[in-house]
């Protein structure tokens, strides 16, 4: 896995050993960031369930002002920290070593620009995180939320959670759902 574009372009990132994380492939990451690029300049970016940190690092490399990385797996945390040092982006990052819900309630920002989440598939984490995001003052109608899910995850309940789907990009095995608070 590598950084696709920006200040850290072409640098290879470490990933945790084992099957506990699913690093986003370069092709999918490139497609995702082609869609996110208009929103990245000076953005406050959140990478929830960060894994190796590749998504947040790509956001920083492409112009995000600051990124929060939230992860509770020790091997993944070590990768995030090593990758941030290697890409020289550590000064623009906050790494939170905790579960996502605890982290969300402990963050005090004015407004998030982009929240990306890639929770373990088919475990129902999306609903719990979206319920929390709905209540947080720093998640506004302007905040773009991107959820990576399996293809068969039911997203019809997003509206009942007060989120409107703006678009969806499908790949062979997963998809990105773009939504905002209503």
N, C-alpha and C. Protein backbone atom coordinates (compact mmCIF):
# COMPACT_ATOMS: atom_id res chain seq x y z
N UNK A 1 0.85 -1.17 0.00
CA UNK A 1 0.00 0.00 0.00
C UNK A 1 0.90 1.23 0.00
N UNK A 2 0.47 2.24 -0.76
CA UNK A 2 1.28 3.45 -0.88
C UNK A 2 0.39 4.68 -0.85
N UNK A 3 1.02 5.84 -0.66
CA UNK A 3 0.31 7.11 -0.76
C UNK A 3 0.20 7.42 -2.25
N UNK A 4 -1.00 7.74 -2.71
CA UNK A 4 -1.25 7.92 -4.14
C UNK A 4 -0.78 9.28 -4.65
N UNK A 5 -1.07 10.35 -3.90
CA UNK A 5 -0.78 11.70 -4.41
C UNK A 5 -0.42 12.65 -3.28
N UNK A 6 0.08 13.83 -3.65
CA UNK A 6 0.36 14.86 -2.67
C UNK A 6 1.79 14.87 -2.19
N UNK A 7 1.99 15.45 -1.02
CA UNK A 7 3.34 15.65 -0.48
C UNK A 7 4.06 14.35 -0.15
N UNK A 8 3.32 13.29 0.14
CA UNK A 8 3.93 12.00 0.48
C UNK A 8 3.76 10.99 -0.66
N UNK A 9 3.52 11.49 -1.85
CA UNK A 9 3.25 10.63 -3.01
C UNK A 9 4.28 9.52 -3.17
N UNK A 10 3.80 8.33 -3.45
CA UNK A 10 4.58 7.12 -3.76
C UNK A 10 5.26 6.48 -2.55
N UNK A 11 5.13 7.07 -1.37
CA UNK A 11 5.74 6.44 -0.20
C UNK A 11 4.93 5.21 0.19
N UNK A 12 5.65 4.13 0.47
CA UNK A 12 5.00 2.88 0.86
C UNK A 12 4.67 2.92 2.35
N UNK A 13 3.47 2.47 2.68
CA UNK A 13 3.01 2.45 4.07
C UNK A 13 3.04 1.03 4.61
N UNK A 14 3.32 0.93 5.90
CA UNK A 14 3.26 -0.37 6.58
C UNK A 14 1.82 -0.71 6.88
N UNK A 15 1.52 -1.99 6.91
CA UNK A 15 0.20 -2.47 7.32
C UNK A 15 0.39 -3.50 8.41
N UNK A 16 -0.57 -3.62 9.31
CA UNK A 16 -0.45 -4.61 10.38
C UNK A 16 -0.47 -6.04 9.82
N UNK A 17 0.33 -6.91 10.42
CA UNK A 17 0.30 -8.32 10.05
C UNK A 17 -1.03 -8.92 10.46
N UNK A 18 -1.46 -9.95 9.76
CA UNK A 18 -2.67 -10.65 10.14
C UNK A 18 -3.89 -10.18 9.37
N UNK A 19 -5.04 -10.67 9.76
CA UNK A 19 -6.29 -10.42 9.04
C UNK A 19 -7.22 -9.48 9.81
N UNK A 20 -6.72 -8.79 10.84
CA UNK A 20 -7.57 -7.93 11.65
C UNK A 20 -7.94 -6.63 10.94
N UNK A 21 -7.16 -6.22 9.95
CA UNK A 21 -7.48 -5.01 9.20
C UNK A 21 -7.58 -5.36 7.72
N UNK A 22 -8.29 -4.50 6.96
CA UNK A 22 -8.42 -4.67 5.51
C UNK A 22 -7.93 -3.38 4.85
N UNK A 23 -6.65 -3.25 4.58
CA UNK A 23 -6.19 -2.01 3.94
C UNK A 23 -6.92 -1.78 2.63
N UNK A 24 -7.33 -0.54 2.42
CA UNK A 24 -8.01 -0.16 1.18
C UNK A 24 -7.01 -0.24 0.04
N UNK A 25 -7.37 -0.91 -1.04
CA UNK A 25 -6.45 -1.07 -2.16
C UNK A 25 -6.15 0.29 -2.79
N UNK A 26 -5.01 0.38 -3.46
CA UNK A 26 -4.62 1.63 -4.11
C UNK A 26 -5.67 2.09 -5.11
N UNK A 27 -6.24 1.19 -5.86
CA UNK A 27 -7.22 1.56 -6.88
C UNK A 27 -8.47 2.16 -6.24
N UNK A 28 -8.97 1.53 -5.20
CA UNK A 28 -10.16 2.05 -4.52
C UNK A 28 -9.85 3.37 -3.82
N UNK A 29 -8.67 3.44 -3.21
CA UNK A 29 -8.27 4.69 -2.53
C UNK A 29 -8.16 5.83 -3.54
N UNK A 30 -7.62 5.56 -4.70
CA UNK A 30 -7.50 6.60 -5.72
C UNK A 30 -8.89 7.09 -6.17
N UNK A 31 -9.81 6.17 -6.37
CA UNK A 31 -11.18 6.53 -6.76
C UNK A 31 -11.83 7.36 -5.66
N UNK A 32 -11.70 6.92 -4.42
CA UNK A 32 -12.28 7.64 -3.28
C UNK A 32 -11.74 9.07 -3.22
N UNK A 33 -10.43 9.22 -3.31
CA UNK A 33 -9.84 10.55 -3.17
C UNK A 33 -10.06 11.44 -4.39
N UNK A 34 -10.32 10.87 -5.54
CA UNK A 34 -10.72 11.69 -6.67
C UNK A 34 -12.07 12.35 -6.37
N UNK A 35 -12.94 11.64 -5.64
CA UNK A 35 -14.24 12.21 -5.25
C UNK A 35 -14.11 13.19 -4.09
N UNK A 36 -13.15 12.95 -3.19
CA UNK A 36 -12.98 13.81 -2.01
C UNK A 36 -12.12 15.04 -2.26
N UNK A 37 -11.33 15.05 -3.31
CA UNK A 37 -10.34 16.11 -3.53
C UNK A 37 -10.90 17.52 -3.42
N UNK A 38 -12.10 17.81 -3.94
CA UNK A 38 -12.60 19.19 -3.82
C UNK A 38 -12.82 19.66 -2.38
N UNK A 39 -12.93 18.73 -1.44
CA UNK A 39 -13.23 19.07 -0.05
C UNK A 39 -12.00 19.04 0.86
N UNK A 40 -10.85 18.64 0.35
CA UNK A 40 -9.69 18.37 1.21
C UNK A 40 -8.85 19.59 1.59
N UNK A 41 -8.79 20.60 0.79
CA UNK A 41 -7.93 21.74 1.08
C UNK A 41 -8.24 22.38 2.42
N UNK A 42 -7.33 22.28 3.36
CA UNK A 42 -7.52 22.85 4.69
C UNK A 42 -8.52 22.12 5.56
N UNK A 43 -8.91 20.93 5.20
CA UNK A 43 -9.97 20.19 5.90
C UNK A 43 -9.51 19.60 7.23
N UNK A 44 -10.46 19.48 8.14
CA UNK A 44 -10.30 18.72 9.37
C UNK A 44 -10.89 17.34 9.08
N UNK A 45 -10.04 16.32 9.05
CA UNK A 45 -10.38 14.98 8.57
C UNK A 45 -10.35 13.99 9.73
N UNK A 46 -11.33 13.11 9.78
CA UNK A 46 -11.39 12.07 10.80
C UNK A 46 -11.33 10.71 10.13
N UNK A 47 -10.38 9.88 10.57
CA UNK A 47 -10.22 8.52 10.05
C UNK A 47 -10.56 7.57 11.20
N UNK A 48 -11.82 7.09 11.20
CA UNK A 48 -12.31 6.21 12.28
C UNK A 48 -12.09 4.75 11.88
N UNK A 49 -11.71 3.92 12.86
CA UNK A 49 -11.32 2.54 12.60
C UNK A 49 -10.15 2.59 11.62
N UNK A 50 -9.10 3.29 11.98
CA UNK A 50 -8.02 3.70 11.07
C UNK A 50 -7.18 2.59 10.47
N UNK A 51 -7.05 1.45 11.12
CA UNK A 51 -6.17 0.41 10.59
C UNK A 51 -4.74 0.90 10.51
N UNK A 52 -4.18 0.94 9.32
CA UNK A 52 -2.80 1.40 9.14
C UNK A 52 -2.70 2.92 9.05
N UNK A 53 -3.84 3.59 8.94
CA UNK A 53 -3.84 5.04 8.81
C UNK A 53 -3.75 5.53 7.38
N UNK A 54 -3.81 4.63 6.42
CA UNK A 54 -3.63 4.99 5.02
C UNK A 54 -4.60 6.02 4.49
N UNK A 55 -5.85 5.99 4.94
CA UNK A 55 -6.84 6.94 4.44
C UNK A 55 -6.55 8.35 4.99
N UNK A 56 -6.34 8.46 6.29
CA UNK A 56 -6.03 9.76 6.89
C UNK A 56 -4.73 10.33 6.38
N UNK A 57 -3.74 9.48 6.17
CA UNK A 57 -2.45 9.93 5.64
C UNK A 57 -2.61 10.45 4.21
N UNK A 58 -3.42 9.75 3.42
CA UNK A 58 -3.69 10.23 2.06
C UNK A 58 -4.36 11.60 2.11
N UNK A 59 -5.31 11.78 3.04
CA UNK A 59 -5.99 13.07 3.17
C UNK A 59 -4.99 14.18 3.53
N UNK A 60 -4.09 13.91 4.47
CA UNK A 60 -3.07 14.89 4.85
C UNK A 60 -2.14 15.19 3.68
N UNK A 61 -1.71 14.16 2.98
CA UNK A 61 -0.81 14.32 1.85
C UNK A 61 -1.44 15.19 0.77
N UNK A 62 -2.77 15.12 0.64
CA UNK A 62 -3.48 15.87 -0.40
C UNK A 62 -4.01 17.23 0.07
N UNK A 63 -3.66 17.65 1.27
CA UNK A 63 -3.99 19.02 1.66
C UNK A 63 -4.87 19.20 2.88
N UNK A 64 -5.30 18.13 3.53
CA UNK A 64 -6.07 18.31 4.77
C UNK A 64 -5.18 19.01 5.79
N UNK A 65 -5.77 19.87 6.59
CA UNK A 65 -5.04 20.64 7.61
C UNK A 65 -4.63 19.76 8.78
N UNK A 66 -5.54 18.90 9.23
CA UNK A 66 -5.29 18.06 10.39
C UNK A 66 -6.14 16.79 10.27
N UNK A 67 -5.64 15.69 10.80
CA UNK A 67 -6.40 14.44 10.79
C UNK A 67 -6.36 13.78 12.16
N UNK A 68 -7.51 13.29 12.56
CA UNK A 68 -7.63 12.45 13.75
C UNK A 68 -7.66 11.01 13.28
N UNK A 69 -6.85 10.17 13.93
CA UNK A 69 -6.83 8.73 13.66
C UNK A 69 -7.34 8.04 14.91
N UNK A 70 -8.38 7.23 14.78
CA UNK A 70 -8.95 6.54 15.93
C UNK A 70 -8.84 5.04 15.70
N UNK A 71 -8.12 4.38 16.59
CA UNK A 71 -7.87 2.94 16.47
C UNK A 71 -7.56 2.39 17.85
N UNK A 72 -8.01 1.15 18.13
CA UNK A 72 -7.69 0.58 19.44
C UNK A 72 -6.85 -0.70 19.36
N UNK A 73 -6.50 -1.15 18.16
CA UNK A 73 -5.65 -2.33 18.00
C UNK A 73 -4.18 -1.91 18.11
N UNK A 74 -3.42 -2.57 19.00
CA UNK A 74 -2.03 -2.16 19.25
C UNK A 74 -1.14 -2.26 18.02
N UNK A 75 -1.28 -3.34 17.25
CA UNK A 75 -0.45 -3.49 16.04
C UNK A 75 -0.79 -2.40 15.02
N UNK A 76 -2.06 -2.11 14.87
CA UNK A 76 -2.47 -1.07 13.93
C UNK A 76 -1.98 0.30 14.39
N UNK A 77 -2.08 0.57 15.70
CA UNK A 77 -1.60 1.85 16.23
C UNK A 77 -0.11 2.06 15.95
N UNK A 78 0.65 1.00 16.11
CA UNK A 78 2.08 1.08 15.84
C UNK A 78 2.33 1.43 14.37
N UNK A 79 1.55 0.82 13.47
CA UNK A 79 1.67 1.13 12.04
C UNK A 79 1.32 2.58 11.76
N UNK A 80 0.23 3.06 12.35
CA UNK A 80 -0.18 4.45 12.13
C UNK A 80 0.95 5.39 12.53
N UNK A 81 1.50 5.18 13.72
CA UNK A 81 2.55 6.07 14.21
C UNK A 81 3.81 6.00 13.34
N UNK A 82 4.20 4.79 12.93
CA UNK A 82 5.36 4.65 12.05
C UNK A 82 5.10 5.30 10.69
N UNK A 83 3.90 5.11 10.16
CA UNK A 83 3.57 5.69 8.85
C UNK A 83 3.53 7.22 8.91
N UNK A 84 3.02 7.78 9.99
CA UNK A 84 3.00 9.23 10.13
C UNK A 84 4.42 9.79 10.22
N UNK A 85 5.29 9.12 10.95
CA UNK A 85 6.69 9.56 11.03
C UNK A 85 7.37 9.46 9.67
N UNK A 86 7.17 8.33 9.00
CA UNK A 86 7.81 8.08 7.71
C UNK A 86 7.38 9.09 6.65
N UNK A 87 6.12 9.50 6.67
CA UNK A 87 5.60 10.46 5.68
C UNK A 87 5.80 11.91 6.11
N UNK A 88 6.35 12.12 7.29
CA UNK A 88 6.57 13.47 7.84
C UNK A 88 5.26 14.24 8.03
N UNK A 89 4.21 13.52 8.40
CA UNK A 89 2.90 14.14 8.61
C UNK A 89 2.44 14.07 10.07
N UNK A 90 3.30 13.60 10.95
CA UNK A 90 2.92 13.41 12.35
C UNK A 90 2.49 14.72 13.03
N UNK A 91 3.07 15.84 12.64
CA UNK A 91 2.72 17.12 13.27
C UNK A 91 1.30 17.57 12.94
N UNK A 92 0.71 16.99 11.92
CA UNK A 92 -0.65 17.35 11.51
C UNK A 92 -1.67 16.31 11.97
N UNK A 93 -1.26 15.42 12.86
CA UNK A 93 -2.12 14.30 13.22
C UNK A 93 -2.31 14.19 14.73
N UNK A 94 -3.49 13.71 15.10
CA UNK A 94 -3.78 13.31 16.47
C UNK A 94 -4.19 11.85 16.41
N UNK A 95 -3.45 10.99 17.12
CA UNK A 95 -3.76 9.56 17.15
C UNK A 95 -4.41 9.25 18.49
N UNK A 96 -5.62 8.73 18.44
CA UNK A 96 -6.36 8.39 19.65
C UNK A 96 -6.41 6.88 19.80
N UNK A 97 -5.86 6.41 20.92
CA UNK A 97 -5.74 4.98 21.20
C UNK A 97 -6.93 4.52 22.04
N UNK A 98 -8.08 4.42 21.40
CA UNK A 98 -9.30 4.07 22.13
C UNK A 98 -10.35 3.58 21.14
N UNK A 99 -11.47 3.15 21.67
CA UNK A 99 -12.57 2.76 20.78
C UNK A 99 -13.19 4.02 20.19
N UNK A 100 -13.86 3.87 19.07
CA UNK A 100 -14.38 5.01 18.32
C UNK A 100 -15.39 5.83 19.12
N UNK A 101 -16.34 5.18 19.77
CA UNK A 101 -17.36 5.94 20.50
C UNK A 101 -16.76 6.78 21.62
N UNK A 102 -15.83 6.23 22.38
CA UNK A 102 -15.16 7.01 23.42
C UNK A 102 -14.41 8.19 22.82
N UNK A 103 -13.73 7.95 21.71
CA UNK A 103 -12.98 9.02 21.07
C UNK A 103 -13.89 10.15 20.60
N UNK A 104 -15.00 9.80 19.97
CA UNK A 104 -15.90 10.83 19.43
C UNK A 104 -16.38 11.79 20.51
N UNK A 105 -16.74 11.25 21.66
CA UNK A 105 -17.26 12.10 22.73
C UNK A 105 -16.16 12.91 23.42
N UNK A 106 -14.90 12.52 23.20
CA UNK A 106 -13.79 13.26 23.81
C UNK A 106 -13.18 14.33 22.91
N UNK A 107 -13.66 14.43 21.68
CA UNK A 107 -13.13 15.41 20.73
C UNK A 107 -13.93 16.70 20.85
N UNK A 108 -13.22 17.81 20.89
CA UNK A 108 -13.88 19.12 21.00
C UNK A 108 -13.33 20.03 19.90
N UNK A 109 -13.96 19.97 18.76
CA UNK A 109 -13.59 20.79 17.62
C UNK A 109 -14.77 21.68 17.27
N UNK A 110 -14.51 22.70 16.45
CA UNK A 110 -15.59 23.57 16.02
C UNK A 110 -16.46 22.88 14.98
N UNK A 111 -15.82 22.30 13.93
CA UNK A 111 -16.58 21.63 12.88
C UNK A 111 -15.68 20.66 12.12
N UNK A 112 -16.15 19.45 11.94
CA UNK A 112 -15.44 18.46 11.12
C UNK A 112 -15.81 18.69 9.67
N UNK A 113 -14.83 18.56 8.79
CA UNK A 113 -15.11 18.67 7.36
C UNK A 113 -15.45 17.31 6.76
N UNK A 114 -14.64 16.30 7.08
CA UNK A 114 -14.86 14.96 6.52
C UNK A 114 -14.65 13.93 7.63
N UNK A 115 -15.60 13.02 7.76
CA UNK A 115 -15.48 11.89 8.66
C UNK A 115 -15.53 10.63 7.80
N UNK A 116 -14.45 9.86 7.83
CA UNK A 116 -14.38 8.60 7.10
C UNK A 116 -14.39 7.47 8.11
N UNK A 117 -15.23 6.47 7.88
CA UNK A 117 -15.22 5.30 8.77
C UNK A 117 -15.21 4.03 7.95
N UNK A 118 -14.37 3.10 8.40
CA UNK A 118 -14.25 1.79 7.77
C UNK A 118 -14.30 0.74 8.88
N UNK A 119 -15.48 0.57 9.49
CA UNK A 119 -15.58 -0.38 10.60
C UNK A 119 -15.53 -1.82 10.10
N UNK A 120 -15.29 -2.77 11.00
CA UNK A 120 -15.39 -4.18 10.59
C UNK A 120 -16.75 -4.41 9.94
N UNK A 121 -16.74 -5.11 8.82
CA UNK A 121 -17.97 -5.32 8.07
C UNK A 121 -18.97 -6.17 8.83
N UNK A 122 -20.23 -5.83 8.64
CA UNK A 122 -21.38 -6.61 9.10
C UNK A 122 -21.40 -6.85 10.61
N UNK A 123 -20.94 -5.87 11.36
CA UNK A 123 -20.98 -5.96 12.83
C UNK A 123 -21.92 -4.92 13.44
N UNK A 124 -22.52 -4.07 12.61
CA UNK A 124 -23.45 -3.07 13.11
C UNK A 124 -22.82 -1.83 13.70
N UNK A 125 -21.52 -1.67 13.57
CA UNK A 125 -20.85 -0.49 14.13
C UNK A 125 -21.33 0.81 13.49
N UNK A 126 -21.69 0.76 12.20
CA UNK A 126 -22.11 1.97 11.50
C UNK A 126 -23.26 2.66 12.23
N UNK A 127 -24.26 1.91 12.63
CA UNK A 127 -25.42 2.50 13.30
C UNK A 127 -25.04 3.18 14.60
N UNK A 128 -24.20 2.54 15.40
CA UNK A 128 -23.79 3.12 16.69
C UNK A 128 -22.97 4.39 16.48
N UNK A 129 -22.08 4.36 15.51
CA UNK A 129 -21.25 5.54 15.25
C UNK A 129 -22.10 6.67 14.68
N UNK A 130 -22.98 6.37 13.75
CA UNK A 130 -23.85 7.42 13.19
C UNK A 130 -24.77 8.01 14.25
N UNK A 131 -25.27 7.18 15.16
CA UNK A 131 -26.11 7.71 16.25
C UNK A 131 -25.31 8.69 17.10
N UNK A 132 -24.04 8.39 17.33
CA UNK A 132 -23.18 9.31 18.09
C UNK A 132 -22.89 10.58 17.28
N UNK A 133 -22.55 10.42 16.01
CA UNK A 133 -22.24 11.57 15.16
C UNK A 133 -23.43 12.53 15.07
N UNK A 134 -24.63 11.97 15.07
CA UNK A 134 -25.84 12.79 14.98
C UNK A 134 -25.94 13.76 16.16
N UNK A 135 -25.42 13.37 17.31
CA UNK A 135 -25.54 14.16 18.54
C UNK A 135 -24.39 15.14 18.76
N UNK A 136 -23.29 14.96 18.05
CA UNK A 136 -22.10 15.77 18.31
C UNK A 136 -22.20 17.15 17.67
N UNK A 137 -21.86 18.21 18.42
CA UNK A 137 -21.98 19.56 17.86
C UNK A 137 -21.00 19.86 16.74
N UNK A 138 -19.88 19.14 16.67
CA UNK A 138 -18.89 19.41 15.63
C UNK A 138 -19.17 18.66 14.33
N UNK A 139 -20.22 17.87 14.31
CA UNK A 139 -20.69 17.25 13.07
C UNK A 139 -21.93 18.02 12.65
N UNK A 140 -21.82 18.77 11.55
CA UNK A 140 -22.89 19.65 11.11
C UNK A 140 -23.44 19.18 9.76
N UNK A 141 -24.37 19.93 9.23
CA UNK A 141 -24.91 19.64 7.91
C UNK A 141 -23.84 19.79 6.82
N UNK A 142 -22.76 20.49 7.14
CA UNK A 142 -21.66 20.68 6.19
C UNK A 142 -20.66 19.53 6.21
N UNK A 143 -20.69 18.71 7.24
CA UNK A 143 -19.73 17.61 7.40
C UNK A 143 -20.07 16.48 6.44
N UNK A 144 -19.11 16.10 5.62
CA UNK A 144 -19.27 14.97 4.72
C UNK A 144 -18.85 13.70 5.46
N UNK A 145 -19.74 12.72 5.49
CA UNK A 145 -19.45 11.45 6.15
C UNK A 145 -19.37 10.38 5.08
N UNK A 146 -18.27 9.63 5.10
CA UNK A 146 -18.06 8.56 4.13
C UNK A 146 -17.95 7.25 4.90
N UNK A 147 -18.78 6.30 4.52
CA UNK A 147 -18.80 4.99 5.19
C UNK A 147 -18.37 3.94 4.19
N UNK A 148 -17.36 3.15 4.55
CA UNK A 148 -16.99 2.00 3.74
C UNK A 148 -17.70 0.79 4.32
N UNK A 149 -18.47 0.09 3.48
CA UNK A 149 -19.23 -1.07 3.94
C UNK A 149 -19.11 -2.20 2.93
N UNK A 150 -19.55 -3.37 3.35
CA UNK A 150 -19.69 -4.47 2.40
C UNK A 150 -20.87 -4.15 1.49
N UNK A 151 -20.95 -4.83 0.37
CA UNK A 151 -22.03 -4.56 -0.58
C UNK A 151 -23.41 -4.89 -0.03
N UNK A 152 -23.48 -5.86 0.89
CA UNK A 152 -24.81 -6.26 1.38
C UNK A 152 -25.21 -5.61 2.71
N UNK A 153 -24.43 -4.64 3.19
CA UNK A 153 -24.84 -3.90 4.38
C UNK A 153 -26.05 -3.03 4.03
N UNK A 154 -27.08 -3.11 4.84
CA UNK A 154 -28.30 -2.34 4.62
C UNK A 154 -28.07 -0.88 5.01
N UNK A 155 -28.16 0.02 4.04
CA UNK A 155 -27.98 1.45 4.34
C UNK A 155 -29.30 2.20 4.35
N UNK A 156 -30.40 1.48 4.20
CA UNK A 156 -31.71 2.15 4.13
C UNK A 156 -32.05 2.86 5.45
N UNK A 157 -31.47 2.45 6.52
CA UNK A 157 -31.79 3.06 7.82
C UNK A 157 -31.03 4.37 8.08
N UNK A 158 -30.18 4.79 7.16
CA UNK A 158 -29.46 6.05 7.34
C UNK A 158 -30.44 7.21 7.51
N UNK A 159 -31.51 7.21 6.75
CA UNK A 159 -32.48 8.30 6.84
C UNK A 159 -33.12 8.34 8.23
N UNK A 160 -33.42 7.17 8.80
CA UNK A 160 -34.02 7.15 10.14
C UNK A 160 -33.02 7.62 11.19
N UNK A 161 -31.73 7.58 10.87
CA UNK A 161 -30.69 8.08 11.76
C UNK A 161 -30.38 9.56 11.47
N UNK A 162 -31.18 10.18 10.62
CA UNK A 162 -31.07 11.60 10.26
C UNK A 162 -29.89 11.92 9.35
N UNK A 163 -29.56 11.00 8.44
CA UNK A 163 -28.52 11.23 7.45
C UNK A 163 -29.08 11.02 6.06
N UNK A 164 -28.73 11.91 5.15
CA UNK A 164 -29.17 11.82 3.76
C UNK A 164 -28.01 11.32 2.91
N UNK A 165 -28.25 10.28 2.13
CA UNK A 165 -27.24 9.74 1.23
C UNK A 165 -27.12 10.66 0.01
N UNK A 166 -25.90 11.12 -0.24
CA UNK A 166 -25.65 11.97 -1.41
C UNK A 166 -25.24 11.15 -2.62
N UNK A 167 -24.41 10.15 -2.39
CA UNK A 167 -24.01 9.25 -3.47
C UNK A 167 -23.42 7.98 -2.89
N UNK A 168 -23.29 7.02 -3.78
CA UNK A 168 -22.75 5.72 -3.40
C UNK A 168 -21.86 5.24 -4.55
N UNK A 169 -20.68 4.76 -4.22
CA UNK A 169 -19.77 4.21 -5.21
C UNK A 169 -19.54 2.74 -4.88
N UNK A 170 -19.92 1.87 -5.81
CA UNK A 170 -19.79 0.42 -5.61
C UNK A 170 -18.53 -0.11 -6.29
N UNK A 171 -17.89 -1.06 -5.61
CA UNK A 171 -16.74 -1.76 -6.16
C UNK A 171 -17.10 -3.25 -6.19
N UNK A 172 -16.16 -4.12 -6.45
CA UNK A 172 -16.46 -5.55 -6.54
C UNK A 172 -16.96 -6.14 -5.22
N UNK A 173 -16.33 -5.76 -4.11
CA UNK A 173 -16.67 -6.40 -2.83
C UNK A 173 -17.17 -5.44 -1.77
N UNK A 174 -17.08 -4.14 -2.02
CA UNK A 174 -17.50 -3.17 -1.01
C UNK A 174 -17.99 -1.90 -1.69
N UNK A 175 -18.27 -0.87 -0.89
CA UNK A 175 -18.74 0.40 -1.44
C UNK A 175 -18.44 1.52 -0.47
N UNK A 176 -18.50 2.75 -1.02
CA UNK A 176 -18.41 3.95 -0.21
C UNK A 176 -19.75 4.67 -0.31
N UNK A 177 -20.30 4.99 0.85
CA UNK A 177 -21.55 5.72 0.93
C UNK A 177 -21.23 7.11 1.47
N UNK A 178 -21.62 8.15 0.73
CA UNK A 178 -21.39 9.54 1.09
C UNK A 178 -22.70 10.11 1.62
N UNK A 179 -22.67 10.65 2.84
CA UNK A 179 -23.90 11.18 3.41
C UNK A 179 -23.61 12.41 4.27
N UNK A 180 -24.68 13.11 4.60
CA UNK A 180 -24.59 14.29 5.47
C UNK A 180 -25.76 14.26 6.44
N UNK A 181 -25.56 14.93 7.55
CA UNK A 181 -26.62 15.11 8.55
C UNK A 181 -27.75 15.92 7.94
N UNK A 182 -28.99 15.51 8.22
CA UNK A 182 -30.15 16.27 7.72
C UNK A 182 -30.54 17.34 8.70
